[in-house]
């Protein structure tokens, strides 16, 4: 908690060109940090999405951008189809060995936010190349993501590892993370 009991973290939409440039730079910095550990994590596609008119949400620690995610249209890739309601995103990946508090809070908030909208999961995917990505997968598992068997995307044939984060109501993010009402618009799913 920050001063006077206010949340330290904030989720806000990334709307301006300057904010999108800052988010793209964060993605490139993360890729360099991963490369320093021998983990090849291309970010060209993520940077292109950030710079497009896609919905981008920033995760801020005392007004410093420390994470971001980009919404994907559900129809992006056929392998993403599921019988249960969920949403697909791309995130700036955490770097193993660095303080993972922000990545942990982002995952908790994302799981809680999805659950509040009646969704059952949040999906993400990583390149499925090389064994050096195991350190990154290990960190993501610790943060609550589960990895699924690798698949090839129908659109471009790239081999990816789908990840899922189960939507779950959690009290901590509501206390530690302020989210503006338009931080991450998700479709509400009516109760069955």
C-alpha atoms as a PDB file:
ATOM      1  CA  UNK A   1       0.000   0.000   0.000  1.00  0.00           C
ATOM      2  CA  UNK A   2       1.141   3.513  -0.743  1.00  0.00           C
ATOM      3  CA  UNK A   3       0.699   6.679   1.273  1.00  0.00           C
ATOM      4  CA  UNK A   4      -2.532   6.957   3.251  1.00  0.00           C
ATOM      5  CA  UNK A   5      -3.559   3.398   2.351  1.00  0.00           C
ATOM      6  CA  UNK A   6      -3.768   3.981  -1.405  1.00  0.00           C
ATOM      7  CA  UNK A   7      -2.795   1.151  -3.758  1.00  0.00           C
ATOM      8  CA  UNK A   8       0.789   1.212  -5.041  1.00  0.00           C
ATOM      9  CA  UNK A   9      -0.132  -0.429  -8.350  1.00  0.00           C
ATOM     10  CA  UNK A  10      -2.516   0.826 -11.015  1.00  0.00           C
ATOM     11  CA  UNK A  11      -3.985  -0.629 -14.200  1.00  0.00           C
ATOM     12  CA  UNK A  12      -4.697   2.015 -16.824  1.00  0.00           C
ATOM     13  CA  UNK A  13      -5.405   2.005 -20.549  1.00  0.00           C
ATOM     14  CA  UNK A  14      -2.476   2.910 -22.803  1.00  0.00           C
ATOM     15  CA  UNK A  15      -3.975   5.450 -25.179  1.00  0.00           C
ATOM     16  CA  UNK A  16      -1.425   7.985 -26.385  1.00  0.00           C
ATOM     17  CA  UNK A  17       1.350   7.431 -28.892  1.00  0.00           C
ATOM     18  CA  UNK A  18       3.898   8.296 -26.187  1.00  0.00           C
ATOM     19  CA  UNK A  19       2.427   5.713 -23.801  1.00  0.00           C
ATOM     20  CA  UNK A  20       2.420   3.096 -26.568  1.00  0.00           C
ATOM     21  CA  UNK A  21       6.076   3.893 -27.316  1.00  0.00           C
ATOM     22  CA  UNK A  22       6.876   3.446 -23.613  1.00  0.00           C
ATOM     23  CA  UNK A  23       5.079   0.062 -23.586  1.00  0.00           C
ATOM     24  CA  UNK A  24       6.926  -1.048 -26.742  1.00  0.00           C
ATOM     25  CA  UNK A  25      10.234  -0.056 -25.139  1.00  0.00           C
ATOM     26  CA  UNK A  26       9.315  -2.100 -22.042  1.00  0.00           C
ATOM     27  CA  UNK A  27       8.691  -5.153 -24.254  1.00  0.00           C
ATOM     28  CA  UNK A  28      12.056  -4.701 -25.982  1.00  0.00           C
ATOM     29  CA  UNK A  29      13.826  -4.279 -22.624  1.00  0.00           C
ATOM     30  CA  UNK A  30      12.266  -7.533 -21.372  1.00  0.00           C
ATOM     31  CA  UNK A  31      13.400  -9.331 -24.544  1.00  0.00           C
ATOM     32  CA  UNK A  32      16.965  -8.091 -23.943  1.00  0.00           C
ATOM     33  CA  UNK A  33      16.821  -9.274 -20.317  1.00  0.00           C
ATOM     34  CA  UNK A  34      15.657 -12.700 -21.477  1.00  0.00           C
ATOM     35  CA  UNK A  35      18.344 -12.797 -24.191  1.00  0.00           C
ATOM     36  CA  UNK A  36      20.981 -12.119 -21.517  1.00  0.00           C
ATOM     37  CA  UNK A  37      19.844 -15.409 -19.962  1.00  0.00           C
ATOM     38  CA  UNK A  38      19.918 -17.256 -23.273  1.00  0.00           C
ATOM     39  CA  UNK A  39      16.125 -17.154 -23.700  1.00  0.00           C
ATOM     40  CA  UNK A  40      15.043 -16.204 -27.203  1.00  0.00           C
ATOM     41  CA  UNK A  41      11.722 -14.383 -26.925  1.00  0.00           C
ATOM     42  CA  UNK A  42      10.919 -12.423 -30.099  1.00  0.00           C
ATOM     43  CA  UNK A  43       8.815  -9.340 -29.401  1.00  0.00           C
ATOM     44  CA  UNK A  44       8.208  -7.997 -32.919  1.00  0.00           C
ATOM     45  CA  UNK A  45       4.611  -9.259 -32.941  1.00  0.00           C
ATOM     46  CA  UNK A  46       3.947  -7.879 -29.435  1.00  0.00           C
ATOM     47  CA  UNK A  47       5.476  -4.499 -30.309  1.00  0.00           C
ATOM     48  CA  UNK A  48       3.391  -4.349 -33.500  1.00  0.00           C
ATOM     49  CA  UNK A  49       0.233  -5.042 -31.490  1.00  0.00           C
ATOM     50  CA  UNK A  50       1.161  -2.380 -28.924  1.00  0.00           C
ATOM     51  CA  UNK A  51       1.728   0.186 -31.682  1.00  0.00           C
ATOM     52  CA  UNK A  52      -1.514  -0.743 -33.465  1.00  0.00           C
ATOM     53  CA  UNK A  53      -4.914   0.383 -32.265  1.00  0.00           C
ATOM     54  CA  UNK A  54      -5.340  -2.771 -30.165  1.00  0.00           C
ATOM     55  CA  UNK A  55      -6.534  -2.477 -26.569  1.00  0.00           C
ATOM     56  CA  UNK A  56      -3.389  -2.092 -24.456  1.00  0.00           C
ATOM     57  CA  UNK A  57      -3.392  -1.882 -20.664  1.00  0.00           C
ATOM     58  CA  UNK A  58      -0.439  -0.703 -18.611  1.00  0.00           C
ATOM     59  CA  UNK A  59       0.499  -1.950 -15.146  1.00  0.00           C
ATOM     60  CA  UNK A  60       2.076   0.869 -13.156  1.00  0.00           C
ATOM     61  CA  UNK A  61       4.053   0.920  -9.915  1.00  0.00           C
ATOM     62  CA  UNK A  62       3.894   4.480  -8.530  1.00  0.00           C
ATOM     63  CA  UNK A  63       3.387   5.833 -12.075  1.00  0.00           C
ATOM     64  CA  UNK A  64       6.285   3.808 -13.526  1.00  0.00           C
ATOM     65  CA  UNK A  65       5.234   1.376 -16.264  1.00  0.00           C
ATOM     66  CA  UNK A  66       6.347  -2.097 -15.123  1.00  0.00           C
ATOM     67  CA  UNK A  67       4.104  -4.333 -17.229  1.00  0.00           C
ATOM     68  CA  UNK A  68       1.559  -4.303 -19.997  1.00  0.00           C
ATOM     69  CA  UNK A  69      -0.857  -6.544 -21.795  1.00  0.00           C
ATOM     70  CA  UNK A  70      -2.587  -6.455 -25.162  1.00  0.00           C
ATOM     71  CA  UNK A  71      -6.035  -7.877 -25.873  1.00  0.00           C
ATOM     72  CA  UNK A  72      -6.464 -10.271 -28.798  1.00  0.00           C
ATOM     73  CA  UNK A  73      -9.584 -10.711 -30.877  1.00  0.00           C
ATOM     74  CA  UNK A  74     -10.985 -14.169 -30.063  1.00  0.00           C
ATOM     75  CA  UNK A  75     -10.934 -15.173 -33.728  1.00  0.00           C
ATOM     76  CA  UNK A  76      -7.176 -14.542 -34.061  1.00  0.00           C
ATOM     77  CA  UNK A  77      -6.269 -18.236 -34.164  1.00  0.00           C
ATOM     78  CA  UNK A  78      -8.366 -21.355 -34.532  1.00  0.00           C
ATOM     79  CA  UNK A  79      -6.380 -23.269 -31.894  1.00  0.00           C
ATOM     80  CA  UNK A  80      -7.675 -20.793 -29.345  1.00  0.00           C
ATOM     81  CA  UNK A  81     -11.247 -22.055 -29.524  1.00  0.00           C
ATOM     82  CA  UNK A  82     -12.622 -23.344 -26.251  1.00  0.00           C
ATOM     83  CA  UNK A  83     -15.962 -24.417 -24.869  1.00  0.00           C
ATOM     84  CA  UNK A  84     -15.521 -22.253 -21.770  1.00  0.00           C
ATOM     85  CA  UNK A  85     -15.495 -18.441 -21.844  1.00  0.00           C
ATOM     86  CA  UNK A  86     -12.090 -16.815 -21.764  1.00  0.00           C
ATOM     87  CA  UNK A  87      -9.941 -14.105 -23.282  1.00  0.00           C
ATOM     88  CA  UNK A  88      -6.552 -14.120 -25.056  1.00  0.00           C
ATOM     89  CA  UNK A  89      -3.843 -11.572 -24.322  1.00  0.00           C
ATOM     90  CA  UNK A  90      -0.170 -10.946 -24.946  1.00  0.00           C
ATOM     91  CA  UNK A  91       1.982  -9.764 -22.067  1.00  0.00           C
ATOM     92  CA  UNK A  92       5.430  -8.312 -21.688  1.00  0.00           C
ATOM     93  CA  UNK A  93       7.096 -11.384 -20.152  1.00  0.00           C
ATOM     94  CA  UNK A  94       8.776 -11.282 -16.755  1.00  0.00           C
ATOM     95  CA  UNK A  95      12.514 -11.952 -16.658  1.00  0.00           C
ATOM     96  CA  UNK A  96      13.571 -14.866 -14.420  1.00  0.00           C
ATOM     97  CA  UNK A  97      15.855 -13.793 -11.603  1.00  0.00           C
ATOM     98  CA  UNK A  98      14.447 -10.284 -11.361  1.00  0.00           C
ATOM     99  CA  UNK A  99      11.974  -9.249  -8.688  1.00  0.00           C
ATOM    100  CA  UNK A 100       8.735 -10.912  -9.777  1.00  0.00           C
ATOM    101  CA  UNK A 101       6.403  -8.988  -7.424  1.00  0.00           C
ATOM    102  CA  UNK A 102       4.929  -6.940 -10.275  1.00  0.00           C
ATOM    103  CA  UNK A 103       4.418 -10.028 -12.462  1.00  0.00           C
ATOM    104  CA  UNK A 104       2.740 -11.809  -9.514  1.00  0.00           C
ATOM    105  CA  UNK A 105       0.398  -8.868  -8.813  1.00  0.00           C
ATOM    106  CA  UNK A 106      -0.448  -8.557 -12.508  1.00  0.00           C
ATOM    107  CA  UNK A 107      -1.343 -12.275 -12.706  1.00  0.00           C
ATOM    108  CA  UNK A 108      -3.468 -12.051  -9.537  1.00  0.00           C
ATOM    109  CA  UNK A 109      -5.268  -8.970 -10.824  1.00  0.00           C
ATOM    110  CA  UNK A 110      -5.828 -10.503 -14.254  1.00  0.00           C
ATOM    111  CA  UNK A 111      -7.271 -13.738 -12.775  1.00  0.00           C
ATOM    112  CA  UNK A 112      -9.567 -11.723 -10.491  1.00  0.00           C
ATOM    113  CA  UNK A 113     -10.648  -9.294 -13.232  1.00  0.00           C
ATOM    114  CA  UNK A 114     -11.508 -12.157 -15.597  1.00  0.00           C
ATOM    115  CA  UNK A 115     -13.502 -13.924 -12.858  1.00  0.00           C
ATOM    116  CA  UNK A 116     -15.457 -10.731 -12.123  1.00  0.00           C
ATOM    117  CA  UNK A 117     -16.573 -10.754 -15.765  1.00  0.00           C
ATOM    118  CA  UNK A 118     -17.710 -14.388 -15.655  1.00  0.00           C
ATOM    119  CA  UNK A 119     -14.739 -15.673 -17.648  1.00  0.00           C
ATOM    120  CA  UNK A 120     -13.032 -18.939 -16.726  1.00  0.00           C
ATOM    121  CA  UNK A 121      -9.517 -18.374 -18.075  1.00  0.00           C
ATOM    122  CA  UNK A 122      -7.016 -15.980 -19.594  1.00  0.00           C
ATOM    123  CA  UNK A 123      -4.835 -17.316 -22.408  1.00  0.00           C
ATOM    124  CA  UNK A 124      -1.388 -16.294 -23.597  1.00  0.00           C
ATOM    125  CA  UNK A 125       1.182 -18.003 -25.817  1.00  0.00           C
ATOM    126  CA  UNK A 126       4.962 -18.150 -25.982  1.00  0.00           C
ATOM    127  CA  UNK A 127       7.249 -19.278 -28.799  1.00  0.00           C
ATOM    128  CA  UNK A 128       7.761 -23.033 -28.433  1.00  0.00           C
ATOM    129  CA  UNK A 129      11.372 -23.088 -29.589  1.00  0.00           C
ATOM    130  CA  UNK A 130      14.455 -24.115 -27.670  1.00  0.00           C
ATOM    131  CA  UNK A 131      14.995 -25.607 -24.248  1.00  0.00           C
ATOM    132  CA  UNK A 132      16.261 -22.331 -22.798  1.00  0.00           C
ATOM    133  CA  UNK A 133      12.681 -21.151 -22.363  1.00  0.00           C
ATOM    134  CA  UNK A 134      12.236 -23.626 -19.472  1.00  0.00           C
ATOM    135  CA  UNK A 135      13.388 -20.997 -16.946  1.00  0.00           C
ATOM    136  CA  UNK A 136      10.687 -18.640 -18.216  1.00  0.00           C
ATOM    137  CA  UNK A 137       8.026 -21.378 -18.150  1.00  0.00           C
ATOM    138  CA  UNK A 138       9.072 -22.276 -14.600  1.00  0.00           C
ATOM    139  CA  UNK A 139       8.620 -18.680 -13.478  1.00  0.00           C
ATOM    140  CA  UNK A 140       5.236 -18.426 -15.207  1.00  0.00           C
ATOM    141  CA  UNK A 141       4.062 -21.665 -13.546  1.00  0.00           C
ATOM    142  CA  UNK A 142       5.055 -20.154 -10.185  1.00  0.00           C
ATOM    143  CA  UNK A 143       2.880 -17.156 -11.062  1.00  0.00           C
ATOM    144  CA  UNK A 144      -0.161 -19.373 -11.723  1.00  0.00           C
ATOM    145  CA  UNK A 145       0.069 -19.919 -15.490  1.00  0.00           C
ATOM    146  CA  UNK A 146      -0.245 -23.481 -16.767  1.00  0.00           C
ATOM    147  CA  UNK A 147       1.382 -24.482 -20.043  1.00  0.00           C
ATOM    148  CA  UNK A 148      -0.453 -26.648 -22.556  1.00  0.00           C
ATOM    149  CA  UNK A 149       1.052 -28.848 -25.270  1.00  0.00           C
ATOM    150  CA  UNK A 150       2.687 -26.858 -28.106  1.00  0.00           C
ATOM    151  CA  UNK A 151       0.650 -26.276 -31.272  1.00  0.00           C
ATOM    152  CA  UNK A 152       1.172 -24.643 -34.641  1.00  0.00           C
ATOM    153  CA  UNK A 153      -0.797 -21.503 -35.359  1.00  0.00           C
ATOM    154  CA  UNK A 154      -2.915 -21.993 -38.456  1.00  0.00           C
ATOM    155  CA  UNK A 155      -2.331 -18.426 -39.662  1.00  0.00           C
ATOM    156  CA  UNK A 156       1.457 -18.611 -39.942  1.00  0.00           C
ATOM    157  CA  UNK A 157       2.584 -22.113 -38.894  1.00  0.00           C
ATOM    158  CA  UNK A 158       4.616 -20.774 -35.959  1.00  0.00           C
ATOM    159  CA  UNK A 159       4.965 -23.310 -33.146  1.00  0.00           C
ATOM    160  CA  UNK A 160       3.726 -21.864 -29.830  1.00  0.00           C
ATOM    161  CA  UNK A 161       3.093 -23.001 -26.267  1.00  0.00           C
ATOM    162  CA  UNK A 162      -0.377 -21.913 -25.136  1.00  0.00           C
ATOM    163  CA  UNK A 163      -0.607 -20.789 -21.506  1.00  0.00           C
ATOM    164  CA  UNK A 164      -3.702 -20.507 -19.338  1.00  0.00           C
ATOM    165  CA  UNK A 165      -4.390 -18.622 -16.156  1.00  0.00           C
ATOM    166  CA  UNK A 166      -7.519 -19.786 -14.366  1.00  0.00           C
ATOM    167  CA  UNK A 167      -9.921 -16.976 -13.550  1.00  0.00           C
ATOM    168  CA  UNK A 168     -10.435 -16.814  -9.811  1.00  0.00           C
ATOM    169  CA  UNK A 169     -11.790 -14.196  -7.427  1.00  0.00           C
ATOM    170  CA  UNK A 170      -8.966 -12.927  -5.223  1.00  0.00           C
ATOM    171  CA  UNK A 171      -9.223 -10.187  -2.599  1.00  0.00           C
ATOM    172  CA  UNK A 172      -5.584  -9.002  -2.711  1.00  0.00           C
ATOM    173  CA  UNK A 173      -5.652  -7.241  -6.108  1.00  0.00           C
ATOM    174  CA  UNK A 174      -8.640  -5.107  -5.105  1.00  0.00           C
ATOM    175  CA  UNK A 175      -6.609  -3.755  -2.179  1.00  0.00           C
ATOM    176  CA  UNK A 176      -3.188  -3.475  -3.844  1.00  0.00           C
ATOM    177  CA  UNK A 177      -4.142  -2.507  -7.412  1.00  0.00           C
ATOM    178  CA  UNK A 178      -6.241   0.461  -8.456  1.00  0.00           C
ATOM    179  CA  UNK A 179      -7.916  -0.158 -11.808  1.00  0.00           C
ATOM    180  CA  UNK A 180      -9.662   2.582 -13.716  1.00  0.00           C
ATOM    181  CA  UNK A 181     -13.096   1.474 -14.993  1.00  0.00           C
ATOM    182  CA  UNK A 182     -11.751   1.385 -18.564  1.00  0.00           C
ATOM    183  CA  UNK A 183      -8.454  -0.339 -17.634  1.00  0.00           C
ATOM    184  CA  UNK A 184      -9.224  -3.618 -19.388  1.00  0.00           C
ATOM    185  CA  UNK A 185     -12.647  -3.896 -21.008  1.00  0.00           C
ATOM    186  CA  UNK A 186     -13.740  -7.528 -21.028  1.00  0.00           C
ATOM    187  CA  UNK A 187     -16.976  -9.031 -22.302  1.00  0.00           C
ATOM    188  CA  UNK A 188     -19.328  -9.927 -19.455  1.00  0.00           C
ATOM    189  CA  UNK A 189     -20.557 -13.514 -19.581  1.00  0.00           C
ATOM    190  CA  UNK A 190     -24.048 -14.134 -18.277  1.00  0.00           C
ATOM    191  CA  UNK A 191     -24.428 -16.825 -15.610  1.00  0.00           C
ATOM    192  CA  UNK A 192     -25.515 -20.197 -16.893  1.00  0.00           C
END
